Every structure is written in C-alpha cells, then in structure tokens.
Amino acid sequence: MSADRRILFVHAHPDDESIETGATMAKYAAEGAHVCLVTCTRGEEGEVIPEDLRHLSGDALGEYRTGELARACAALGVEDHRYLGGEGRWRDSGMMGTPSNNDPRCFWRANVEEVTAELVRVVREVRPQVIVTYDDNGFYGHPDHIQAYRVAWRAFERAADASYGEGEPWAPSRFYATAIPITSLEAGVGRGPFKRVGSVREFGFGVPDAQVTTRIEAGASLPAKVEAMRSHATQITMAPPYYALSNDVGVPILDAEYYTLLAGESGIPGEDGRETGLFHPVT
C-alpha cells in the first residue's frame, strides 16, 4: 500500500481516535497510506482521572490534551493531524443535557454549514477515498459525536459539488461509521480489574451484529493502539486487555476494530462475511 491510498478520520475529542480506530489508523499508516486525523474539539470538558491532574479544566485541560493527542499520533504513526477550523475553534460540548451544551462556543451549537465548509476544505486538500466517523447516534449519544457525524456526512456529499465552496471538487468513494458488535462486548461482562457490568447493555454502546459490515484485525497494530491509549492518561486508565474511562467501568480492548459501511460499494468479504479492509477493492 502506498500514499495513493488516503483515508480521513473525523473524531470529536482527543482519545476517541485511539479508543475506537487506533489499530486501523496504525495499520494503514504502517502500510504507507496517507492517514489524516481531524479532531473537532480539544476536549475541554473531559473528566480528569488522575488525582495529580485534576487541577486541569477548561482551556488548560484542552492544552494538556493537545499534548496527549500529539503523543498518541506519534504512537500510531499518524503524521497528518488537524483541529477542525484550527486549534480551539470549537469547544467540547460535554455530555448531553449538561450546562456546557449551552455554551455558544461549543461544537454542538456550531453552525453546521460553517463547520461543513471547514471540513470540505480538508477533504479537497487530502482527497481521501475513505472517510471514517461515527453513526448518527454518535456511537453512544455524545452531542459532539453526533455533530461530527452530521458534518462528516455533509462534507462527504458536498466535497464533489463544484458549486459548493472553494477548491477543486473531490468525491470520496466510501463512508464508514465506527461500530462494535454486541457479541464482541460479551468478553467484558463480569470480568476484568475494573468495575464489572452484569450485562452488555450496561456498557451503553454496541450495535446488533448484523449491522457491522467490516472487521479490521488489530494484529501487529495492537501494541501501537495500546500505547496511544496510554498517552491519554487524563481520560483513560489502562490495564490491558481492559481499560476504563472516568466511570471506572472495565471495557475489553478487542483484537479487532469494527465498522459499518454507510455509503459506497462493499469490498470482498472475509470468512465471517464481513469486509477485511476499508479501501475498495479489498483483496
């Protein structure tokens, strides 16, 4: 694989890229593809886990998490990282229903057309064949994730429209949403060194297995993913093969990453009937 293969990941906050797509990013970067990561906010509303870092909040936390993200990108081999609209353009909105959702500076309140125009500029510059983000529920309902989906989908559709914005039009061929099949989460039920759940539903995320179209084996990229996750120490506690966020619920670090193809032609299926890569054709 070479840099004629280009893929764009659109994530809401620092750490999302490592948790949800780290192995995939590392795999394609190692194979020579151009991997571009766009992060929509600096994560100013994140809940800080380590006691010695709990003095960080707001802009100070955002600055600190920018450093964490830089270390994560280095671990993954990702050399092209951008904040959407420039660092600090839009703020973390916090969890749904919290007062931070009402901050006029937050990503949730951003004008969708304005944000889309910024992402279209990136798409036309990078010219990716593939765009990866979340589903319309933002994977687990976070407002910034939902907004990232809305903006990425609009950019996917409008980047090829010569009448829209500036720059040479470009039409990505495939659009994916991150996904975890319910059955894959069963490995974390009642197990691990963190707080244990009694059922898969308690995780608060996961989709029906039939919804998952694509499985990317972590393989040799798993150590890079784990190292990248460790870089986000304000947000993640690591105890491989488990990790926990601020709620201290143990989540398994899976041996694969999963996606749902939302637009584009499906690739060649593997033994389980799912695609084995994000580019087309997959052989």
C-alpha atoms as a PDB file:
ATOM      1  CA  MET A   1       0.000   0.000   0.000  1.00  0.00           C
ATOM      2  CA  SER A   2       1.246   3.499  -0.741  1.00  0.00           C
ATOM      3  CA  ALA A   3       0.237   7.094  -0.276  1.00  0.00           C
ATOM      4  CA  ASP A   4      -2.092   6.866  -3.281  1.00  0.00           C
ATOM      5  CA  ARG A   5      -4.465   5.436  -0.682  1.00  0.00           C
ATOM      6  CA  ARG A   6      -5.770   8.191   1.541  1.00  0.00           C
ATOM      7  CA  ILE A   7      -8.123   7.946   4.484  1.00  0.00           C
ATOM      8  CA  LEU A   8      -9.678  10.634   6.682  1.00  0.00           C
ATOM      9  CA  PHE A   9     -10.799  10.020  10.264  1.00  0.00           C
ATOM     10  CA  VAL A  10     -13.125  12.592  11.856  1.00  0.00           C
ATOM     11  CA  HIS A  11     -13.223  12.390  15.657  1.00  0.00           C
ATOM     12  CA  ALA A  12     -14.835  14.572  18.298  1.00  0.00           C
ATOM     13  CA  HIS A  13     -12.171  14.746  21.030  1.00  0.00           C
ATOM     14  CA  PRO A  14      -8.600  13.679  21.763  1.00  0.00           C
ATOM     15  CA  ASP A  15      -8.662   9.966  22.797  1.00  0.00           C
ATOM     16  CA  ASP A  16     -11.588   8.974  20.533  1.00  0.00           C
ATOM     17  CA  GLU A  17      -9.171   8.230  17.715  1.00  0.00           C
ATOM     18  CA  SER A  18      -7.143   5.794  19.830  1.00  0.00           C
ATOM     19  CA  ILE A  19     -10.026   4.022  21.556  1.00  0.00           C
ATOM     20  CA  GLU A  20     -12.199   3.478  18.508  1.00  0.00           C
ATOM     21  CA  THR A  21      -9.874   3.434  15.487  1.00  0.00           C
ATOM     22  CA  GLY A  22      -6.291   3.311  16.786  1.00  0.00           C
ATOM     23  CA  ALA A  23      -5.368  -0.087  15.369  1.00  0.00           C
ATOM     24  CA  THR A  24      -6.877   0.756  11.985  1.00  0.00           C
ATOM     25  CA  MET A  25      -5.005   4.042  11.796  1.00  0.00           C
ATOM     26  CA  ALA A  26      -1.736   2.404  12.796  1.00  0.00           C
ATOM     27  CA  LYS A  27      -2.241  -0.415  10.284  1.00  0.00           C
ATOM     28  CA  TYR A  28      -2.768   1.881   7.338  1.00  0.00           C
ATOM     29  CA  ALA A  29      -0.038   4.309   8.390  1.00  0.00           C
ATOM     30  CA  ALA A  30       2.438   1.406   8.637  1.00  0.00           C
ATOM     31  CA  GLU A  31       1.393   0.243   5.179  1.00  0.00           C
ATOM     32  CA  GLY A  32       2.181   3.658   3.717  1.00  0.00           C
ATOM     33  CA  ALA A  33      -1.284   5.109   3.289  1.00  0.00           C
ATOM     34  CA  HIS A  34      -1.878   8.799   3.964  1.00  0.00           C
ATOM     35  CA  VAL A  35      -3.787   8.812   7.239  1.00  0.00           C
ATOM     36  CA  CYS A  36      -5.330  12.165   8.157  1.00  0.00           C
ATOM     37  CA  LEU A  37      -6.963  12.744  11.529  1.00  0.00           C
ATOM     38  CA  VAL A  38      -9.330  15.664  12.074  1.00  0.00           C
ATOM     39  CA  THR A  39     -10.272  16.358  15.699  1.00  0.00           C
ATOM     40  CA  CYS A  40     -13.264  18.638  16.254  1.00  0.00           C
ATOM     41  CA  THR A  41     -12.503  19.905  19.793  1.00  0.00           C
ATOM     42  CA  ARG A  42      -9.700  19.847  22.355  1.00  0.00           C
ATOM     43  CA  GLY A  43     -11.816  18.015  24.932  1.00  0.00           C
ATOM     44  CA  GLU A  44     -12.063  20.831  27.454  1.00  0.00           C
ATOM     45  CA  GLU A  45     -14.979  19.164  29.294  1.00  0.00           C
ATOM     46  CA  GLY A  46     -13.327  15.787  29.811  1.00  0.00           C
ATOM     47  CA  GLU A  47     -13.407  14.276  33.319  1.00  0.00           C
ATOM     48  CA  VAL A  48      -9.828  14.001  34.575  1.00  0.00           C
ATOM     49  CA  ILE A  49      -8.970  10.684  36.221  1.00  0.00           C
ATOM     50  CA  PRO A  50      -5.507  11.056  37.862  1.00  0.00           C
ATOM     51  CA  GLU A  51      -5.587  12.895  41.172  1.00  0.00           C
ATOM     52  CA  ASP A  52      -2.447  14.868  40.378  1.00  0.00           C
ATOM     53  CA  LEU A  53      -4.005  16.271  37.175  1.00  0.00           C
ATOM     54  CA  ARG A  54      -7.438  17.205  38.485  1.00  0.00           C
ATOM     55  CA  HIS A  55      -6.460  20.837  38.716  1.00  0.00           C
ATOM     56  CA  LEU A  56      -6.763  20.913  34.928  1.00  0.00           C
ATOM     57  CA  SER A  57     -10.016  22.198  33.474  1.00  0.00           C
ATOM     58  CA  GLY A  58     -11.308  24.283  30.589  1.00  0.00           C
ATOM     59  CA  ASP A  59      -8.628  25.744  28.343  1.00  0.00           C
ATOM     60  CA  ALA A  60      -5.808  24.379  30.494  1.00  0.00           C
ATOM     61  CA  LEU A  61      -7.190  20.875  30.093  1.00  0.00           C
ATOM     62  CA  GLY A  62      -7.633  21.416  26.375  1.00  0.00           C
ATOM     63  CA  GLU A  63      -3.996  22.442  26.033  1.00  0.00           C
ATOM     64  CA  TYR A  64      -2.869  19.433  28.037  1.00  0.00           C
ATOM     65  CA  ARG A  65      -4.975  17.057  25.979  1.00  0.00           C
ATOM     66  CA  THR A  66      -3.491  18.524  22.811  1.00  0.00           C
ATOM     67  CA  GLY A  67      -0.137  17.239  24.061  1.00  0.00           C
ATOM     68  CA  GLU A  68      -1.662  13.840  24.831  1.00  0.00           C
ATOM     69  CA  LEU A  69      -3.057  13.697  21.315  1.00  0.00           C
ATOM     70  CA  ALA A  70       0.304  14.543  19.778  1.00  0.00           C
ATOM     71  CA  ARG A  71       1.872  11.633  21.656  1.00  0.00           C
ATOM     72  CA  ALA A  72      -0.942   9.323  20.585  1.00  0.00           C
ATOM     73  CA  CYS A  73      -0.498  10.288  16.931  1.00  0.00           C
ATOM     74  CA  ALA A  74       3.218   9.584  17.199  1.00  0.00           C
ATOM     75  CA  ALA A  75       2.455   6.139  18.628  1.00  0.00           C
ATOM     76  CA  LEU A  76       0.062   5.422  15.768  1.00  0.00           C
ATOM     77  CA  GLY A  77       2.395   6.744  13.091  1.00  0.00           C
ATOM     78  CA  VAL A  78      -0.098   9.447  12.092  1.00  0.00           C
ATOM     79  CA  GLU A  79       1.718  12.494  10.755  1.00  0.00           C
ATOM     80  CA  ASP A  80      -1.239  14.498   9.448  1.00  0.00           C
ATOM     81  CA  HIS A  81      -3.379  15.768  12.312  1.00  0.00           C
ATOM     82  CA  ARG A  82      -5.560  18.877  12.235  1.00  0.00           C
ATOM     83  CA  TYR A  83      -8.054  20.507  14.546  1.00  0.00           C
ATOM     84  CA  LEU A  84     -11.172  21.330  12.580  1.00  0.00           C
ATOM     85  CA  GLY A  85     -11.101  25.049  11.812  1.00  0.00           C
ATOM     86  CA  GLY A  86      -7.850  25.393  13.779  1.00  0.00           C
ATOM     87  CA  GLU A  87      -6.995  24.507  17.370  1.00  0.00           C
ATOM     88  CA  GLY A  88      -9.611  25.773  19.804  1.00  0.00           C
ATOM     89  CA  ARG A  89     -12.103  26.914  17.119  1.00  0.00           C
ATOM     90  CA  TRP A  90     -14.885  24.903  18.748  1.00  0.00           C
ATOM     91  CA  ARG A  91     -15.100  23.735  22.352  1.00  0.00           C
ATOM     92  CA  ASP A  92     -16.031  20.410  23.856  1.00  0.00           C
ATOM     93  CA  SER A  93     -19.799  20.386  24.500  1.00  0.00           C
ATOM     94  CA  GLY A  94     -19.743  17.954  27.408  1.00  0.00           C
ATOM     95  CA  MET A  95     -22.252  15.143  27.858  1.00  0.00           C
ATOM     96  CA  MET A  96     -25.803  15.527  26.552  1.00  0.00           C
ATOM     97  CA  GLY A  97     -28.011  17.668  28.785  1.00  0.00           C
ATOM     98  CA  THR A  98     -25.201  19.359  30.724  1.00  0.00           C
ATOM     99  CA  PRO A  99     -24.866  23.167  31.030  1.00  0.00           C
ATOM    100  CA  SER A 100     -21.818  23.140  28.745  1.00  0.00           C
ATOM    101  CA  ASN A 101     -24.155  22.203  25.860  1.00  0.00           C
ATOM    102  CA  ASN A 102     -25.437  25.783  26.006  1.00  0.00           C
ATOM    103  CA  ASP A 103     -22.040  27.451  25.587  1.00  0.00           C
ATOM    104  CA  PRO A 104     -22.247  29.321  22.253  1.00  0.00           C
ATOM    105  CA  ARG A 105     -18.627  28.331  21.599  1.00  0.00           C
ATOM    106  CA  CYS A 106     -19.269  24.600  21.861  1.00  0.00           C
ATOM    107  CA  PHE A 107     -19.262  22.255  18.887  1.00  0.00           C
ATOM    108  CA  TRP A 108     -22.852  21.162  19.484  1.00  0.00           C
ATOM    109  CA  ARG A 109     -24.014  24.755  18.975  1.00  0.00           C
ATOM    110  CA  ALA A 110     -21.826  25.408  15.938  1.00  0.00           C
ATOM    111  CA  ASN A 111     -23.421  26.330  12.633  1.00  0.00           C
ATOM    112  CA  VAL A 112     -23.423  23.059  10.691  1.00  0.00           C
ATOM    113  CA  GLU A 113     -22.859  24.754   7.341  1.00  0.00           C
ATOM    114  CA  GLU A 114     -19.896  26.691   8.684  1.00  0.00           C
ATOM    115  CA  VAL A 115     -18.337  23.557  10.114  1.00  0.00           C
ATOM    116  CA  THR A 116     -19.063  21.578   6.953  1.00  0.00           C
ATOM    117  CA  ALA A 117     -17.257  24.193   4.860  1.00  0.00           C
ATOM    118  CA  GLU A 118     -14.171  23.772   7.047  1.00  0.00           C
ATOM    119  CA  LEU A 119     -14.211  20.005   6.632  1.00  0.00           C
ATOM    120  CA  VAL A 120     -14.819  20.214   2.885  1.00  0.00           C
ATOM    121  CA  ARG A 121     -11.600  22.231   2.640  1.00  0.00           C
ATOM    122  CA  VAL A 122      -9.744  19.373   4.316  1.00  0.00           C
ATOM    123  CA  VAL A 123     -11.394  16.738   2.123  1.00  0.00           C
ATOM    124  CA  ARG A 124     -10.470  18.611  -1.033  1.00  0.00           C
ATOM    125  CA  GLU A 125      -6.892  19.037   0.120  1.00  0.00           C
ATOM    126  CA  VAL A 126      -6.317  15.478   1.365  1.00  0.00           C
ATOM    127  CA  ARG A 127      -8.518  13.832  -1.312  1.00  0.00           C
ATOM    128  CA  PRO A 128      -9.324  10.702   0.699  1.00  0.00           C
ATOM    129  CA  GLN A 129     -11.018   7.722  -0.868  1.00  0.00           C
ATOM    130  CA  VAL A 130     -12.438   6.839   2.562  1.00  0.00           C
ATOM    131  CA  ILE A 131     -13.976   8.886   5.396  1.00  0.00           C
ATOM    132  CA  VAL A 132     -14.490   7.376   8.853  1.00  0.00           C
ATOM    133  CA  THR A 133     -16.509   8.856  11.713  1.00  0.00           C
ATOM    134  CA  TYR A 134     -19.487   7.798  13.891  1.00  0.00           C
ATOM    135  CA  ASP A 135     -23.070   6.788  13.164  1.00  0.00           C
ATOM    136  CA  ASP A 136     -25.999   9.190  13.504  1.00  0.00           C
ATOM    137  CA  ASN A 137     -26.168   8.465  17.251  1.00  0.00           C
ATOM    138  CA  GLY A 138     -22.539   9.425  17.661  1.00  0.00           C
ATOM    139  CA  PHE A 139     -21.659   5.850  18.735  1.00  0.00           C
ATOM    140  CA  TYR A 140     -23.033   6.432  22.241  1.00  0.00           C
ATOM    141  CA  GLY A 141     -25.042   9.655  22.110  1.00  0.00           C
ATOM    142  CA  HIS A 142     -22.439  12.323  22.900  1.00  0.00           C
ATOM    143  CA  PRO A 143     -23.502  15.608  21.247  1.00  0.00           C
ATOM    144  CA  ASP A 144     -20.061  16.249  19.745  1.00  0.00           C
ATOM    145  CA  HIS A 145     -20.024  12.771  18.214  1.00  0.00           C
ATOM    146  CA  ILE A 146     -23.470  13.330  16.716  1.00  0.00           C
ATOM    147  CA  GLN A 147     -22.337  16.679  15.340  1.00  0.00           C
ATOM    148  CA  ALA A 148     -19.186  15.095  13.912  1.00  0.00           C
ATOM    149  CA  TYR A 149     -21.335  12.582  12.048  1.00  0.00           C
ATOM    150  CA  ARG A 150     -23.612  15.317  10.672  1.00  0.00           C
ATOM    151  CA  VAL A 151     -20.694  17.390   9.461  1.00  0.00           C
ATOM    152  CA  ALA A 152     -18.695  14.470   8.041  1.00  0.00           C
ATOM    153  CA  TRP A 153     -21.729  13.182   6.129  1.00  0.00           C
ATOM    154  CA  ARG A 154     -22.444  16.614   4.652  1.00  0.00           C
ATOM    155  CA  ALA A 155     -18.793  17.018   3.696  1.00  0.00           C
ATOM    156  CA  PHE A 156     -18.835  13.567   2.090  1.00  0.00           C
ATOM    157  CA  GLU A 157     -21.773  14.652  -0.070  1.00  0.00           C
ATOM    158  CA  ARG A 158     -20.703  18.222  -0.827  1.00  0.00           C
ATOM    159  CA  ALA A 159     -16.971  17.921  -1.461  1.00  0.00           C
ATOM    160  CA  ALA A 160     -17.740  16.751  -5.009  1.00  0.00           C
ATOM    161  CA  ASP A 161     -20.093  19.665  -5.717  1.00  0.00           C
ATOM    162  CA  ALA A 162     -18.255  22.227  -7.841  1.00  0.00           C
ATOM    163  CA  SER A 163     -20.788  24.891  -6.872  1.00  0.00           C
ATOM    164  CA  TYR A 164     -20.014  24.491  -3.163  1.00  0.00           C
ATOM    165  CA  GLY A 165     -17.177  26.439  -1.554  1.00  0.00           C
ATOM    166  CA  GLU A 166     -13.640  26.761  -2.810  1.00  0.00           C
ATOM    167  CA  GLY A 167     -11.077  24.308  -4.106  1.00  0.00           C
ATOM    168  CA  GLU A 168     -11.126  21.510  -6.635  1.00  0.00           C
ATOM    169  CA  PRO A 169     -14.049  19.128  -6.086  1.00  0.00           C
ATOM    170  CA  TRP A 170     -13.320  15.657  -4.779  1.00  0.00           C
ATOM    171  CA  ALA A 171     -15.636  12.685  -4.309  1.00  0.00           C
ATOM    172  CA  PRO A 172     -14.678  10.183  -1.592  1.00  0.00           C
ATOM    173  CA  SER A 173     -15.922   6.733  -2.529  1.00  0.00           C
ATOM    174  CA  ARG A 174     -16.703   5.217   0.880  1.00  0.00           C
ATOM    175  CA  PHE A 175     -18.087   6.419   4.198  1.00  0.00           C
ATOM    176  CA  TYR A 176     -17.844   4.358   7.403  1.00  0.00           C
ATOM    177  CA  ALA A 177     -19.182   4.607  10.925  1.00  0.00           C
ATOM    178  CA  THR A 178     -17.389   3.054  13.883  1.00  0.00           C
ATOM    179  CA  ALA A 179     -19.234   0.130  15.440  1.00  0.00           C
ATOM    180  CA  ILE A 180     -18.800  -2.624  17.995  1.00  0.00           C
ATOM    181  CA  PRO A 181     -20.934  -5.747  17.642  1.00  0.00           C
ATOM    182  CA  ILE A 182     -22.800  -6.680  20.795  1.00  0.00           C
ATOM    183  CA  THR A 183     -21.341 -10.173  20.890  1.00  0.00           C
ATOM    184  CA  SER A 184     -17.781  -8.809  20.933  1.00  0.00           C
ATOM    185  CA  LEU A 185     -18.547  -6.905  24.133  1.00  0.00           C
ATOM    186  CA  GLU A 186     -19.595 -10.074  25.922  1.00  0.00           C
ATOM    187  CA  ALA A 187     -15.931 -10.730  26.739  1.00  0.00           C
ATOM    188  CA  GLY A 188     -16.080  -7.812  29.165  1.00  0.00           C
ATOM    189  CA  VAL A 189     -19.182  -8.858  31.087  1.00  0.00           C
ATOM    190  CA  GLY A 190     -18.325  -9.807  34.671  1.00  0.00           C
ATOM    191  CA  ARG A 191     -14.582  -9.751  34.014  1.00  0.00           C
ATOM    192  CA  GLY A 192     -11.544  -7.536  34.402  1.00  0.00           C
ATOM    193  CA  PRO A 193      -9.854  -5.478  37.141  1.00  0.00           C
ATOM    194  CA  PHE A 194     -12.261  -2.516  36.984  1.00  0.00           C
ATOM    195  CA  LYS A 195     -15.916  -2.105  37.890  1.00  0.00           C
ATOM    196  CA  ARG A 196     -17.752  -5.001  36.243  1.00  0.00           C
ATOM    197  CA  VAL A 197     -21.006  -4.875  34.335  1.00  0.00           C
ATOM    198  CA  GLY A 198     -23.658  -7.543  34.623  1.00  0.00           C
ATOM    199  CA  SER A 199     -24.851  -7.319  31.023  1.00  0.00           C
ATOM    200  CA  VAL A 200     -23.733  -5.934  27.677  1.00  0.00           C
ATOM    201  CA  ARG A 201     -26.439  -3.256  27.853  1.00  0.00           C
ATOM    202  CA  GLU A 202     -24.686  -1.631  30.791  1.00  0.00           C
ATOM    203  CA  PHE A 203     -21.801  -0.563  28.566  1.00  0.00           C
ATOM    204  CA  GLY A 204     -24.102   1.951  26.872  1.00  0.00           C
ATOM    205  CA  PHE A 205     -22.838   1.253  23.366  1.00  0.00           C
ATOM    206  CA  GLY A 206     -22.652  -1.568  20.847  1.00  0.00           C
ATOM    207  CA  VAL A 207     -24.798  -2.439  17.834  1.00  0.00           C
ATOM    208  CA  PRO A 208     -26.505  -5.595  16.568  1.00  0.00           C
ATOM    209  CA  ASP A 209     -24.002  -7.903  14.912  1.00  0.00           C
ATOM    210  CA  ALA A 210     -25.888  -7.792  11.613  1.00  0.00           C
ATOM    211  CA  GLN A 211     -25.266  -4.037  11.400  1.00  0.00           C
ATOM    212  CA  VAL A 212     -21.478  -4.490  11.299  1.00  0.00           C
ATOM    213  CA  THR A 213     -20.112  -4.780   7.773  1.00  0.00           C
ATOM    214  CA  THR A 214     -16.365  -4.614   8.320  1.00  0.00           C
ATOM    215  CA  ARG A 215     -13.776  -6.129  10.669  1.00  0.00           C
ATOM    216  CA  ILE A 216     -10.174  -4.885  10.770  1.00  0.00           C
ATOM    217  CA  GLU A 217      -7.866  -7.240  12.625  1.00  0.00           C
ATOM    218  CA  ALA A 218      -5.744  -5.383  15.173  1.00  0.00           C
ATOM    219  CA  GLY A 219      -2.863  -7.812  14.672  1.00  0.00           C
ATOM    220  CA  ALA A 220       0.557  -6.195  14.718  1.00  0.00           C
ATOM    221  CA  SER A 221      -1.059  -2.764  15.241  1.00  0.00           C
ATOM    222  CA  LEU A 222      -2.492  -3.610  18.669  1.00  0.00           C
ATOM    223  CA  PRO A 223       0.631  -2.504  20.629  1.00  0.00           C
ATOM    224  CA  ALA A 224       0.511   0.883  18.883  1.00  0.00           C
ATOM    225  CA  LYS A 225      -3.148   1.258  19.806  1.00  0.00           C
ATOM    226  CA  VAL A 226      -2.425   0.396  23.450  1.00  0.00           C
ATOM    227  CA  GLU A 227       0.477   2.863  23.563  1.00  0.00           C
ATOM    228  CA  ALA A 228      -1.712   5.570  22.027  1.00  0.00           C
ATOM    229  CA  MET A 229      -4.428   4.931  24.588  1.00  0.00           C
ATOM    230  CA  ARG A 230      -1.848   5.210  27.377  1.00  0.00           C
ATOM    231  CA  SER A 231      -0.973   8.654  26.015  1.00  0.00           C
ATOM    232  CA  HIS A 232      -4.429   9.873  27.042  1.00  0.00           C
ATOM    233  CA  ALA A 233      -3.774   9.475  30.744  1.00  0.00           C
ATOM    234  CA  THR A 234      -6.210  12.200  31.785  1.00  0.00           C
ATOM    235  CA  GLN A 235      -9.089  10.200  30.322  1.00  0.00           C
ATOM    236  CA  ILE A 236      -8.128   6.511  30.283  1.00  0.00           C
ATOM    237  CA  THR A 237      -6.891   4.052  32.880  1.00  0.00           C
ATOM    238  CA  MET A 238      -5.122   1.146  31.222  1.00  0.00           C
ATOM    239  CA  ALA A 239      -4.885  -2.462  32.393  1.00  0.00           C
ATOM    240  CA  PRO A 240      -4.651  -4.440  29.126  1.00  0.00           C
ATOM    241  CA  PRO A 241      -6.630  -6.267  27.920  1.00  0.00           C
ATOM    242  CA  TYR A 242      -9.031  -3.859  29.653  1.00  0.00           C
ATOM    243  CA  TYR A 243      -9.333  -0.117  30.018  1.00  0.00           C
ATOM    244  CA  ALA A 244     -11.660   2.217  31.883  1.00  0.00           C
ATOM    245  CA  LEU A 245     -12.828   5.791  31.476  1.00  0.00           C
ATOM    246  CA  SER A 246     -13.837   8.086  34.333  1.00  0.00           C
ATOM    247  CA  ASN A 247     -16.785   5.852  35.270  1.00  0.00           C
ATOM    248  CA  ASP A 248     -14.251   3.080  36.111  1.00  0.00           C
ATOM    249  CA  VAL A 249     -16.229   0.503  34.113  1.00  0.00           C
ATOM    250  CA  GLY A 250     -13.893  -2.045  32.562  1.00  0.00           C
ATOM    251  CA  VAL A 251     -14.108  -2.348  28.774  1.00  0.00           C
ATOM    252  CA  PRO A 252     -12.242  -5.041  26.837  1.00  0.00           C
ATOM    253  CA  ILE A 253      -9.551  -3.987  24.365  1.00  0.00           C
ATOM    254  CA  LEU A 254     -10.640  -6.068  21.400  1.00  0.00           C
ATOM    255  CA  ASP A 255      -8.438  -7.867  18.885  1.00  0.00           C
ATOM    256  CA  ALA A 256     -10.277  -6.150  16.030  1.00  0.00           C
ATOM    257  CA  GLU A 257     -11.964  -2.847  15.190  1.00  0.00           C
ATOM    258  CA  TYR A 258     -15.364  -2.795  13.550  1.00  0.00           C
ATOM    259  CA  TYR A 259     -17.224  -0.520  11.156  1.00  0.00           C
ATOM    260  CA  THR A 260     -20.482  -0.118   9.274  1.00  0.00           C
ATOM    261  CA  LEU A 261     -20.300   0.887   5.611  1.00  0.00           C
ATOM    262  CA  LEU A 262     -22.839   3.691   5.166  1.00  0.00           C
ATOM    263  CA  ALA A 263     -22.007   4.673   1.586  1.00  0.00           C
ATOM    264  CA  GLY A 264     -20.013   3.114  -1.214  1.00  0.00           C
ATOM    265  CA  GLU A 265     -19.534  -0.293  -2.734  1.00  0.00           C
ATOM    266  CA  SER A 266     -18.819  -3.165  -0.390  1.00  0.00           C
ATOM    267  CA  GLY A 267     -15.442  -4.871  -0.581  1.00  0.00           C
ATOM    268  CA  ILE A 268     -14.612  -8.563  -0.740  1.00  0.00           C
ATOM    269  CA  PRO A 269     -15.900 -10.370   2.365  1.00  0.00           C
ATOM    270  CA  GLY A 270     -13.761 -12.488   4.672  1.00  0.00           C
ATOM    271  CA  GLU A 271     -14.680 -15.806   6.238  1.00  0.00           C
ATOM    272  CA  ASP A 272     -17.250 -14.229   8.547  1.00  0.00           C
ATOM    273  CA  GLY A 273     -18.940 -12.396   5.675  1.00  0.00           C
ATOM    274  CA  ARG A 274     -17.507  -9.008   6.628  1.00  0.00           C
ATOM    275  CA  GLU A 275     -15.056  -6.861   4.718  1.00  0.00           C
ATOM    276  CA  THR A 276     -11.462  -7.069   5.916  1.00  0.00           C
ATOM    277  CA  GLY A 277     -10.393  -3.565   4.891  1.00  0.00           C
ATOM    278  CA  LEU A 278     -11.714  -0.048   4.331  1.00  0.00           C
ATOM    279  CA  PHE A 279     -10.398   0.543   0.827  1.00  0.00           C
ATOM    280  CA  HIS A 280     -12.058  -0.917  -2.274  1.00  0.00           C
ATOM    281  CA  PRO A 281     -11.445  -3.401  -3.685  1.00  0.00           C
ATOM    282  CA  VAL A 282     -10.212  -5.366  -0.682  1.00  0.00           C
ATOM    283  CA  THR A 283      -8.247  -8.441  -1.677  1.00  0.00           C
END
